[in-house]
Amino acid sequence: MKRKPVHPGRVLKEEVLIPLNLTVSEAAADLGVSRKTLSELINERSAMSPDMAVRIAKATNTSPDSWITMQSKLDIWKSEQKELNVLPFPLADETFPDILEG
């Protein structure tokens, strides 16, 4: 089993807000979101939205894709932990080679 990916809210809190000595209220104001919205994100009670990823990317001079990728990896990991009862499509390996190559 792969290790659980880190939540992007934790990264924001530990790698940005704490080192910059920013309070949740200050950071929320800078990002143009409510304190509650930011608090839910950094305390891992909500997911990173594309809108929030763009806001954080602009504030930190990073890429929105990097923030969304963190969230996607976490979402996929969580889904993989579920018992899903799925039957493979017949001949899936031969029918969809372009999809499988990426």
PDB file of N, CA and C in Angstrom:
ATOM      1  N   MET A   1       0.840  -1.184   0.000  1.00  0.00           N
ATOM      2  CA  MET A   1       0.000   0.000   0.000  1.00  0.00           C
ATOM      3  C   MET A   1       0.888   1.251   0.000  1.00  0.00           C
ATOM      4  N   LYS A   2       0.552   2.178  -0.894  1.00  0.00           N
ATOM      5  CA  LYS A   2       1.290   3.431  -0.954  1.00  0.00           C
ATOM      6  C   LYS A   2       0.986   4.286   0.277  1.00  0.00           C
ATOM      7  N   ARG A   3       1.938   5.112   0.631  1.00  0.00           N
ATOM      8  CA  ARG A   3       1.749   6.027   1.752  1.00  0.00           C
ATOM      9  C   ARG A   3       0.721   7.094   1.392  1.00  0.00           C
ATOM     10  N   LYS A   4      -0.045   7.528   2.376  1.00  0.00           N
ATOM     11  CA  LYS A   4      -1.069   8.548   2.152  1.00  0.00           C
ATOM     12  C   LYS A   4      -0.408   9.868   1.759  1.00  0.00           C
ATOM     13  N   PRO A   5      -0.835  10.453   0.637  1.00  0.00           N
ATOM     14  CA  PRO A   5      -0.286  11.753   0.234  1.00  0.00           C
ATOM     15  C   PRO A   5      -0.685  12.848   1.228  1.00  0.00           C
ATOM     16  N   VAL A   6       0.130  13.852   1.283  1.00  0.00           N
ATOM     17  CA  VAL A   6      -0.131  14.966   2.199  1.00  0.00           C
ATOM     18  C   VAL A   6      -1.259  15.837   1.653  1.00  0.00           C
ATOM     19  N   HIS A   7      -2.085  16.339   2.546  1.00  0.00           N
ATOM     20  CA  HIS A   7      -3.181  17.250   2.177  1.00  0.00           C
ATOM     21  C   HIS A   7      -2.574  18.600   1.820  1.00  0.00           C
ATOM     22  N   PRO A   8      -3.038  19.229   0.730  1.00  0.00           N
ATOM     23  CA  PRO A   8      -2.469  20.526   0.350  1.00  0.00           C
ATOM     24  C   PRO A   8      -2.684  21.609   1.411  1.00  0.00           C
ATOM     25  N   GLY A   9      -3.723  21.487   2.207  1.00  0.00           N
ATOM     26  CA  GLY A   9      -3.941  22.444   3.289  1.00  0.00           C
ATOM     27  C   GLY A   9      -2.850  22.366   4.344  1.00  0.00           C
ATOM     28  N   ARG A  10      -2.378  21.162   4.602  1.00  0.00           N
ATOM     29  CA  ARG A  10      -1.273  20.993   5.561  1.00  0.00           C
ATOM     30  C   ARG A  10      -0.003  21.631   5.017  1.00  0.00           C
ATOM     31  N   VAL A  11       0.236  21.441   3.725  1.00  0.00           N
ATOM     32  CA  VAL A  11       1.419  22.049   3.098  1.00  0.00           C
ATOM     33  C   VAL A  11       1.328  23.569   3.210  1.00  0.00           C
ATOM     34  N   LEU A  12       0.166  24.108   2.901  1.00  0.00           N
ATOM     35  CA  LEU A  12      -0.026  25.553   3.004  1.00  0.00           C
ATOM     36  C   LEU A  12       0.252  26.041   4.424  1.00  0.00           C
ATOM     37  N   LYS A  13      -0.278  25.338   5.383  1.00  0.00           N
ATOM     38  CA  LYS A  13      -0.104  25.734   6.788  1.00  0.00           C
ATOM     39  C   LYS A  13       1.357  25.636   7.228  1.00  0.00           C
ATOM     40  N   GLU A  14       1.977  24.469   6.980  1.00  0.00           N
ATOM     41  CA  GLU A  14       3.315  24.208   7.506  1.00  0.00           C
ATOM     42  C   GLU A  14       4.438  24.842   6.703  1.00  0.00           C
ATOM     43  N   GLU A  15       4.239  24.989   5.392  1.00  0.00           N
ATOM     44  CA  GLU A  15       5.319  25.493   4.544  1.00  0.00           C
ATOM     45  C   GLU A  15       5.165  26.967   4.157  1.00  0.00           C
ATOM     46  N   VAL A  16       3.978  27.529   4.398  1.00  0.00           N
ATOM     47  CA  VAL A  16       3.757  28.923   4.009  1.00  0.00           C
ATOM     48  C   VAL A  16       3.329  29.770   5.207  1.00  0.00           C
ATOM     49  N   LEU A  17       2.191  29.451   5.790  1.00  0.00           N
ATOM     50  CA  LEU A  17       1.644  30.316   6.842  1.00  0.00           C
ATOM     51  C   LEU A  17       2.538  30.382   8.079  1.00  0.00           C
ATOM     52  N   ILE A  18       2.965  29.240   8.581  1.00  0.00           N
ATOM     53  CA  ILE A  18       3.790  29.234   9.803  1.00  0.00           C
ATOM     54  C   ILE A  18       5.132  29.936   9.574  1.00  0.00           C
ATOM     55  N   PRO A  19       5.888  29.590   8.505  1.00  0.00           N
ATOM     56  CA  PRO A  19       7.164  30.288   8.299  1.00  0.00           C
ATOM     57  C   PRO A  19       7.017  31.804   8.102  1.00  0.00           C
ATOM     58  N   LEU A  20       5.898  32.214   7.500  1.00  0.00           N
ATOM     59  CA  LEU A  20       5.686  33.653   7.282  1.00  0.00           C
ATOM     60  C   LEU A  20       5.017  34.337   8.469  1.00  0.00           C
ATOM     61  N   ASN A  21       4.729  33.555   9.506  1.00  0.00           N
ATOM     62  CA  ASN A  21       4.084  34.094  10.706  1.00  0.00           C
ATOM     63  C   ASN A  21       2.731  34.740  10.392  1.00  0.00           C
ATOM     64  N   LEU A  22       2.018  34.161   9.444  1.00  0.00           N
ATOM     65  CA  LEU A  22       0.710  34.675   9.062  1.00  0.00           C
ATOM     66  C   LEU A  22      -0.389  33.979   9.859  1.00  0.00           C
ATOM     67  N   THR A  23      -1.313  34.731  10.377  1.00  0.00           N
ATOM     68  CA  THR A  23      -2.472  34.126  11.031  1.00  0.00           C
ATOM     69  C   THR A  23      -3.454  33.683   9.947  1.00  0.00           C
ATOM     70  N   VAL A  24      -4.386  32.844  10.335  1.00  0.00           N
ATOM     71  CA  VAL A  24      -5.410  32.402   9.391  1.00  0.00           C
ATOM     72  C   VAL A  24      -6.206  33.606   8.899  1.00  0.00           C
ATOM     73  N   SER A  25      -6.541  34.505   9.800  1.00  0.00           N
ATOM     74  CA  SER A  25      -7.307  35.705   9.419  1.00  0.00           C
ATOM     75  C   SER A  25      -6.542  36.566   8.426  1.00  0.00           C
ATOM     76  N   GLU A  26      -5.247  36.779   8.670  1.00  0.00           N
ATOM     77  CA  GLU A  26      -4.438  37.589   7.757  1.00  0.00           C
ATOM     78  C   GLU A  26      -4.335  36.925   6.379  1.00  0.00           C
ATOM     79  N   ALA A  27      -4.047  35.632   6.383  1.00  0.00           N
ATOM     80  CA  ALA A  27      -3.900  34.915   5.113  1.00  0.00           C
ATOM     81  C   ALA A  27      -5.221  34.885   4.350  1.00  0.00           C
ATOM     82  N   ALA A  28      -6.321  34.670   5.065  1.00  0.00           N
ATOM     83  CA  ALA A  28      -7.638  34.648   4.419  1.00  0.00           C
ATOM     84  C   ALA A  28      -7.929  36.005   3.770  1.00  0.00           C
ATOM     85  N   ALA A  29      -7.627  37.071   4.471  1.00  0.00           N
ATOM     86  CA  ALA A  29      -7.847  38.414   3.918  1.00  0.00           C
ATOM     87  C   ALA A  29      -6.994  38.614   2.669  1.00  0.00           C
ATOM     88  N   ASP A  30      -5.734  38.204   2.729  1.00  0.00           N
ATOM     89  CA  ASP A  30      -4.845  38.350   1.574  1.00  0.00           C
ATOM     90  C   ASP A  30      -5.348  37.537   0.377  1.00  0.00           C
ATOM     91  N   LEU A  31      -5.914  36.355   0.658  1.00  0.00           N
ATOM     92  CA  LEU A  31      -6.406  35.486  -0.409  1.00  0.00           C
ATOM     93  C   LEU A  31      -7.796  35.878  -0.908  1.00  0.00           C
ATOM     94  N   GLY A  32      -8.480  36.726  -0.145  1.00  0.00           N
ATOM     95  CA  GLY A  32      -9.825  37.129  -0.537  1.00  0.00           C
ATOM     96  C   GLY A  32     -10.877  36.077  -0.260  1.00  0.00           C
ATOM     97  N   VAL A  33     -10.659  35.288   0.808  1.00  0.00           N
ATOM     98  CA  VAL A  33     -11.626  34.257   1.212  1.00  0.00           C
ATOM     99  C   VAL A  33     -11.960  34.452   2.684  1.00  0.00           C
ATOM    100  N   SER A  34     -12.973  33.763   3.149  1.00  0.00           N
ATOM    101  CA  SER A  34     -13.335  33.885   4.557  1.00  0.00           C
ATOM    102  C   SER A  34     -12.351  33.114   5.431  1.00  0.00           C
ATOM    103  N   ARG A  35     -12.264  33.522   6.676  1.00  0.00           N
ATOM    104  CA  ARG A  35     -11.418  32.830   7.643  1.00  0.00           C
ATOM    105  C   ARG A  35     -11.854  31.379   7.772  1.00  0.00           C
ATOM    106  N   LYS A  36     -13.171  31.160   7.785  1.00  0.00           N
ATOM    107  CA  LYS A  36     -13.716  29.803   7.919  1.00  0.00           C
ATOM    108  C   LYS A  36     -13.280  28.915   6.754  1.00  0.00           C
ATOM    109  N   THR A  37     -13.351  29.448   5.545  1.00  0.00           N
ATOM    110  CA  THR A  37     -12.956  28.685   4.351  1.00  0.00           C
ATOM    111  C   THR A  37     -11.497  28.253   4.440  1.00  0.00           C
ATOM    112  N   LEU A  38     -10.620  29.189   4.794  1.00  0.00           N
ATOM    113  CA  LEU A  38      -9.198  28.866   4.885  1.00  0.00           C
ATOM    114  C   LEU A  38      -8.928  27.917   6.044  1.00  0.00           C
ATOM    115  N   SER A  39      -9.585  28.133   7.160  1.00  0.00           N
ATOM    116  CA  SER A  39      -9.407  27.265   8.321  1.00  0.00           C
ATOM    117  C   SER A  39      -9.786  25.818   8.001  1.00  0.00           C
ATOM    118  N   GLU A  40     -10.895  25.645   7.291  1.00  0.00           N
ATOM    119  CA  GLU A  40     -11.323  24.291   6.918  1.00  0.00           C
ATOM    120  C   GLU A  40     -10.283  23.626   6.018  1.00  0.00           C
ATOM    121  N   LEU A  41      -9.676  24.393   5.126  1.00  0.00           N
ATOM    122  CA  LEU A  41      -8.659  23.840   4.235  1.00  0.00           C
ATOM    123  C   LEU A  41      -7.401  23.441   5.006  1.00  0.00           C
ATOM    124  N   ILE A  42      -6.864  24.348   5.808  1.00  0.00           N
ATOM    125  CA  ILE A  42      -5.586  24.044   6.478  1.00  0.00           C
ATOM    126  C   ILE A  42      -5.741  23.019   7.598  1.00  0.00           C
ATOM    127  N   ASN A  43      -6.961  22.813   8.055  1.00  0.00           N
ATOM    128  CA  ASN A  43      -7.209  21.777   9.062  1.00  0.00           C
ATOM    129  C   ASN A  43      -7.738  20.494   8.438  1.00  0.00           C
ATOM    130  N   GLU A  44      -7.606  20.402   7.120  1.00  0.00           N
ATOM    131  CA  GLU A  44      -7.902  19.195   6.347  1.00  0.00           C
ATOM    132  C   GLU A  44      -9.364  18.753   6.434  1.00  0.00           C
ATOM    133  N   ARG A  45     -10.258  19.722   6.588  1.00  0.00           N
ATOM    134  CA  ARG A  45     -11.689  19.404   6.604  1.00  0.00           C
ATOM    135  C   ARG A  45     -12.360  19.700   5.265  1.00  0.00           C
ATOM    136  N   SER A  46     -11.619  20.322   4.345  1.00  0.00           N
ATOM    137  CA  SER A  46     -12.143  20.552   2.999  1.00  0.00           C
ATOM    138  C   SER A  46     -11.025  20.341   1.986  1.00  0.00           C
ATOM    139  N   ALA A  47     -11.436  20.131   0.750  1.00  0.00           N
ATOM    140  CA  ALA A  47     -10.484  19.884  -0.334  1.00  0.00           C
ATOM    141  C   ALA A  47     -10.060  21.201  -0.983  1.00  0.00           C
ATOM    142  N   MET A  48      -8.935  21.133  -1.649  1.00  0.00           N
ATOM    143  CA  MET A  48      -8.427  22.276  -2.409  1.00  0.00           C
ATOM    144  C   MET A  48      -9.251  22.417  -3.685  1.00  0.00           C
ATOM    145  N   SER A  49      -9.909  23.544  -3.864  1.00  0.00           N
ATOM    146  CA  SER A  49     -10.685  23.800  -5.083  1.00  0.00           C
ATOM    147  C   SER A  49      -9.775  24.454  -6.125  1.00  0.00           C
ATOM    148  N   PRO A  50     -10.161  24.387  -7.391  1.00  0.00           N
ATOM    149  CA  PRO A  50      -9.373  25.090  -8.402  1.00  0.00           C
ATOM    150  C   PRO A  50      -9.266  26.590  -8.119  1.00  0.00           C
ATOM    151  N   ASP A  51     -10.352  27.196  -7.651  1.00  0.00           N
ATOM    152  CA  ASP A  51     -10.334  28.617  -7.329  1.00  0.00           C
ATOM    153  C   ASP A  51      -9.315  28.920  -6.223  1.00  0.00           C
ATOM    154  N   MET A  52      -9.333  28.112  -5.184  1.00  0.00           N
ATOM    155  CA  MET A  52      -8.381  28.315  -4.084  1.00  0.00           C
ATOM    156  C   MET A  52      -6.959  28.058  -4.559  1.00  0.00           C
ATOM    157  N   ALA A  53      -6.773  27.069  -5.415  1.00  0.00           N
ATOM    158  CA  ALA A  53      -5.437  26.776  -5.946  1.00  0.00           C
ATOM    159  C   ALA A  53      -4.881  27.982  -6.708  1.00  0.00           C
ATOM    160  N   VAL A  54      -5.729  28.636  -7.483  1.00  0.00           N
ATOM    161  CA  VAL A  54      -5.287  29.823  -8.227  1.00  0.00           C
ATOM    162  C   VAL A  54      -4.943  30.952  -7.258  1.00  0.00           C
ATOM    163  N   ARG A  55      -5.773  31.152  -6.245  1.00  0.00           N
ATOM    164  CA  ARG A  55      -5.506  32.209  -5.256  1.00  0.00           C
ATOM    165  C   ARG A  55      -4.175  31.965  -4.535  1.00  0.00           C
ATOM    166  N   ILE A  56      -3.978  30.748  -4.074  1.00  0.00           N
ATOM    167  CA  ILE A  56      -2.746  30.414  -3.342  1.00  0.00           C
ATOM    168  C   ILE A  56      -1.536  30.526  -4.261  1.00  0.00           C
ATOM    169  N   ALA A  57      -1.684  30.068  -5.497  1.00  0.00           N
ATOM    170  CA  ALA A  57      -0.581  30.151  -6.454  1.00  0.00           C
ATOM    171  C   ALA A  57      -0.172  31.602  -6.690  1.00  0.00           C
ATOM    172  N   LYS A  58      -1.159  32.483  -6.826  1.00  0.00           N
ATOM    173  CA  LYS A  58      -0.845  33.908  -7.028  1.00  0.00           C
ATOM    174  C   LYS A  58      -0.161  34.503  -5.800  1.00  0.00           C
ATOM    175  N   ALA A  59      -0.601  34.087  -4.612  1.00  0.00           N
ATOM    176  CA  ALA A  59      -0.033  34.632  -3.376  1.00  0.00           C
ATOM    177  C   ALA A  59       1.368  34.091  -3.090  1.00  0.00           C
ATOM    178  N   THR A  60       1.664  32.899  -3.567  1.00  0.00           N
ATOM    179  CA  THR A  60       2.941  32.262  -3.249  1.00  0.00           C
ATOM    180  C   THR A  60       3.887  32.160  -4.440  1.00  0.00           C
ATOM    181  N   ASN A  61       3.452  32.692  -5.590  1.00  0.00           N
ATOM    182  CA  ASN A  61       4.252  32.601  -6.810  1.00  0.00           C
ATOM    183  C   ASN A  61       4.577  31.146  -7.155  1.00  0.00           C
ATOM    184  N   THR A  62       3.562  30.299  -7.042  1.00  0.00           N
ATOM    185  CA  THR A  62       3.687  28.889  -7.401  1.00  0.00           C
ATOM    186  C   THR A  62       2.664  28.593  -8.496  1.00  0.00           C
ATOM    187  N   SER A  63       2.546  27.341  -8.847  1.00  0.00           N
ATOM    188  CA  SER A  63       1.626  26.925  -9.900  1.00  0.00           C
ATOM    189  C   SER A  63       0.314  26.404  -9.305  1.00  0.00           C
ATOM    190  N   PRO A  64      -0.832  26.803  -9.851  1.00  0.00           N
ATOM    191  CA  PRO A  64      -2.089  26.220  -9.380  1.00  0.00           C
ATOM    192  C   PRO A  64      -2.106  24.710  -9.598  1.00  0.00           C
ATOM    193  N   ASP A  65      -1.447  24.266 -10.670  1.00  0.00           N
ATOM    194  CA  ASP A  65      -1.391  22.829 -10.947  1.00  0.00           C
ATOM    195  C   ASP A  65      -0.736  22.047  -9.818  1.00  0.00           C
ATOM    196  N   SER A  66       0.273  22.626  -9.195  1.00  0.00           N
ATOM    197  CA  SER A  66       0.956  21.902  -8.112  1.00  0.00           C
ATOM    198  C   SER A  66       0.017  21.681  -6.932  1.00  0.00           C
ATOM    199  N   TRP A  67      -0.827  22.665  -6.638  1.00  0.00           N
ATOM    200  CA  TRP A  67      -1.770  22.539  -5.524  1.00  0.00           C
ATOM    201  C   TRP A  67      -2.873  21.543  -5.863  1.00  0.00           C
ATOM    202  N   ILE A  68      -3.382  21.603  -7.094  1.00  0.00           N
ATOM    203  CA  ILE A  68      -4.433  20.680  -7.521  1.00  0.00           C
ATOM    204  C   ILE A  68      -3.885  19.256  -7.624  1.00  0.00           C
ATOM    205  N   THR A  69      -2.646  19.118  -8.053  1.00  0.00           N
ATOM    206  CA  THR A  69      -2.034  17.788  -8.134  1.00  0.00           C
ATOM    207  C   THR A  69      -1.948  17.147  -6.752  1.00  0.00           C
ATOM    208  N   MET A  70      -1.583  17.929  -5.751  1.00  0.00           N
ATOM    209  CA  MET A  70      -1.562  17.387  -4.379  1.00  0.00           C
ATOM    210  C   MET A  70      -2.945  16.871  -3.988  1.00  0.00           C
ATOM    211  N   GLN A  71      -3.969  17.665  -4.285  1.00  0.00           N
ATOM    212  CA  GLN A  71      -5.334  17.257  -3.937  1.00  0.00           C
ATOM    213  C   GLN A  71      -5.752  16.022  -4.721  1.00  0.00           C
ATOM    214  N   SER A  72      -5.424  15.983  -6.004  1.00  0.00           N
ATOM    215  CA  SER A  72      -5.789  14.832  -6.838  1.00  0.00           C
ATOM    216  C   SER A  72      -5.139  13.550  -6.338  1.00  0.00           C
ATOM    217  N   LYS A  73      -3.867  13.642  -5.972  1.00  0.00           N
ATOM    218  CA  LYS A  73      -3.170  12.456  -5.458  1.00  0.00           C
ATOM    219  C   LYS A  73      -3.827  11.953  -4.183  1.00  0.00           C
ATOM    220  N   LEU A  74      -4.218  12.874  -3.320  1.00  0.00           N
ATOM    221  CA  LEU A  74      -4.895  12.487  -2.084  1.00  0.00           C
ATOM    222  C   LEU A  74      -6.258  11.870  -2.382  1.00  0.00           C
ATOM    223  N   ASP A  75      -7.015  12.479  -3.283  1.00  0.00           N
ATOM    224  CA  ASP A  75      -8.337  11.957  -3.640  1.00  0.00           C
ATOM    225  C   ASP A  75      -8.238  10.556  -4.229  1.00  0.00           C
ATOM    226  N   ILE A  76      -7.271  10.346  -5.119  1.00  0.00           N
ATOM    227  CA  ILE A  76      -7.086   9.026  -5.722  1.00  0.00           C
ATOM    228  C   ILE A  76      -6.686   8.018  -4.659  1.00  0.00           C
ATOM    229  N   TRP A  77      -5.784   8.383  -3.775  1.00  0.00           N
ATOM    230  CA  TRP A  77      -5.359   7.479  -2.704  1.00  0.00           C
ATOM    231  C   TRP A  77      -6.561   7.062  -1.857  1.00  0.00           C
ATOM    232  N   LYS A  78      -7.407   8.036  -1.497  1.00  0.00           N
ATOM    233  CA  LYS A  78      -8.595   7.729  -0.693  1.00  0.00           C
ATOM    234  C   LYS A  78      -9.527   6.774  -1.435  1.00  0.00           C
ATOM    235  N   SER A  79      -9.721   7.004  -2.726  1.00  0.00           N
ATOM    236  CA  SER A  79     -10.580   6.124  -3.518  1.00  0.00           C
ATOM    237  C   SER A  79      -9.998   4.720  -3.606  1.00  0.00           C
ATOM    238  N   GLU A  80      -8.679   4.625  -3.725  1.00  0.00           N
ATOM    239  CA  GLU A  80      -8.039   3.307  -3.811  1.00  0.00           C
ATOM    240  C   GLU A  80      -8.149   2.514  -2.513  1.00  0.00           C
ATOM    241  N   GLN A  81      -8.413   3.193  -1.404  1.00  0.00           N
ATOM    242  CA  GLN A  81      -8.542   2.506  -0.116  1.00  0.00           C
ATOM    243  C   GLN A  81      -9.913   1.839   0.028  1.00  0.00           C
ATOM    244  N   LYS A  82     -10.865   2.218  -0.809  1.00  0.00           N
ATOM    245  CA  LYS A  82     -12.217   1.665  -0.743  1.00  0.00           C
ATOM    246  C   LYS A  82     -12.268   0.304  -1.424  1.00  0.00           C
ATOM    247  N   GLU A  83     -13.160  -0.540  -0.937  1.00  0.00           N
ATOM    248  CA  GLU A  83     -13.430  -1.818  -1.587  1.00  0.00           C
ATOM    249  C   GLU A  83     -14.410  -1.552  -2.719  1.00  0.00           C
ATOM    250  N   LEU A  84     -13.924  -1.521  -3.925  1.00  0.00           N
ATOM    251  CA  LEU A  84     -14.786  -1.287  -5.081  1.00  0.00           C
ATOM    252  C   LEU A  84     -14.985  -2.601  -5.819  1.00  0.00           C
ATOM    253  N   ASN A  85     -16.214  -2.911  -6.084  1.00  0.00           N
ATOM    254  CA  ASN A  85     -16.548  -4.140  -6.785  1.00  0.00           C
ATOM    255  C   ASN A  85     -16.691  -3.815  -8.266  1.00  0.00           C
ATOM    256  N   VAL A  86     -15.592  -3.930  -9.011  1.00  0.00           N
ATOM    257  CA  VAL A  86     -15.559  -3.549 -10.418  1.00  0.00           C
ATOM    258  C   VAL A  86     -15.092  -4.732 -11.252  1.00  0.00           C
ATOM    259  N   LEU A  87     -15.812  -4.983 -12.306  1.00  0.00           N
ATOM    260  CA  LEU A  87     -15.425  -6.033 -13.255  1.00  0.00           C
ATOM    261  C   LEU A  87     -14.743  -5.369 -14.446  1.00  0.00           C
ATOM    262  N   PRO A  88     -13.620  -5.925 -14.901  1.00  0.00           N
ATOM    263  CA  PRO A  88     -12.938  -5.324 -16.054  1.00  0.00           C
ATOM    264  C   PRO A  88     -13.762  -5.485 -17.325  1.00  0.00           C
ATOM    265  N   PHE A  89     -13.678  -4.501 -18.199  1.00  0.00           N
ATOM    266  CA  PHE A  89     -14.330  -4.599 -19.497  1.00  0.00           C
ATOM    267  C   PHE A  89     -13.625  -5.688 -20.301  1.00  0.00           C
ATOM    268  N   PRO A  90     -14.362  -6.406 -21.139  1.00  0.00           N
ATOM    269  CA  PRO A  90     -13.703  -7.428 -21.974  1.00  0.00           C
ATOM    270  C   PRO A  90     -12.712  -6.772 -22.933  1.00  0.00           C
ATOM    271  N   LEU A  91     -11.562  -7.370 -23.055  1.00  0.00           N
ATOM    272  CA  LEU A  91     -10.517  -6.921 -23.972  1.00  0.00           C
ATOM    273  C   LEU A  91     -10.051  -5.492 -23.729  1.00  0.00           C
ATOM    274  N   ALA A  92     -10.168  -5.029 -22.505  1.00  0.00           N
ATOM    275  CA  ALA A  92      -9.796  -3.642 -22.197  1.00  0.00           C
ATOM    276  C   ALA A  92      -8.351  -3.339 -22.553  1.00  0.00           C
ATOM    277  N   ASP A  93      -7.449  -4.285 -22.317  1.00  0.00           N
ATOM    278  CA  ASP A  93      -6.034  -4.035 -22.592  1.00  0.00           C
ATOM    279  C   ASP A  93      -5.770  -3.810 -24.079  1.00  0.00           C
ATOM    280  N   GLU A  94      -6.522  -4.489 -24.945  1.00  0.00           N
ATOM    281  CA  GLU A  94      -6.303  -4.371 -26.385  1.00  0.00           C
ATOM    282  C   GLU A  94      -7.133  -3.244 -27.000  1.00  0.00           C
ATOM    283  N   THR A  95      -8.240  -2.905 -26.391  1.00  0.00           N
ATOM    284  CA  THR A  95      -9.163  -1.938 -26.973  1.00  0.00           C
ATOM    285  C   THR A  95      -8.736  -0.500 -26.743  1.00  0.00           C
ATOM    286  N   PHE A  96      -8.079  -0.205 -25.635  1.00  0.00           N
ATOM    287  CA  PHE A  96      -7.769   1.172 -25.268  1.00  0.00           C
ATOM    288  C   PHE A  96      -6.273   1.434 -25.117  1.00  0.00           C
ATOM    289  N   PRO A  97      -5.438   1.049 -26.090  1.00  0.00           N
ATOM    290  CA  PRO A  97      -3.986   1.241 -25.904  1.00  0.00           C
ATOM    291  C   PRO A  97      -3.579   2.705 -25.777  1.00  0.00           C
ATOM    292  N   ASP A  98      -4.278   3.610 -26.478  1.00  0.00           N
ATOM    293  CA  ASP A  98      -3.912   5.024 -26.404  1.00  0.00           C
ATOM    294  C   ASP A  98      -4.156   5.601 -25.024  1.00  0.00           C
ATOM    295  N   ILE A  99      -5.216   5.176 -24.379  1.00  0.00           N
ATOM    296  CA  ILE A  99      -5.538   5.651 -23.040  1.00  0.00           C
ATOM    297  C   ILE A  99      -4.492   5.133 -22.051  1.00  0.00           C
ATOM    298  N   LEU A 100      -4.127   3.878 -22.182  1.00  0.00           N
ATOM    299  CA  LEU A 100      -3.200   3.264 -21.246  1.00  0.00           C
ATOM    300  C   LEU A 100      -1.791   3.833 -21.355  1.00  0.00           C
ATOM    301  N   GLU A 101      -1.449   4.357 -22.516  1.00  0.00           N
ATOM    302  CA  GLU A 101      -0.118   4.930 -22.697  1.00  0.00           C
ATOM    303  C   GLU A 101       0.004   6.323 -22.131  1.00  0.00           C
ATOM    304  N   GLY A 102      -1.106   6.928 -21.773  1.00  0.00           N
ATOM    305  CA  GLY A 102      -1.032   8.189 -21.079  1.00  0.00           C
ATOM    306  C   GLY A 102      -1.340   9.392 -21.859  1.00  0.00           C
TER     307      GLY A 102
END
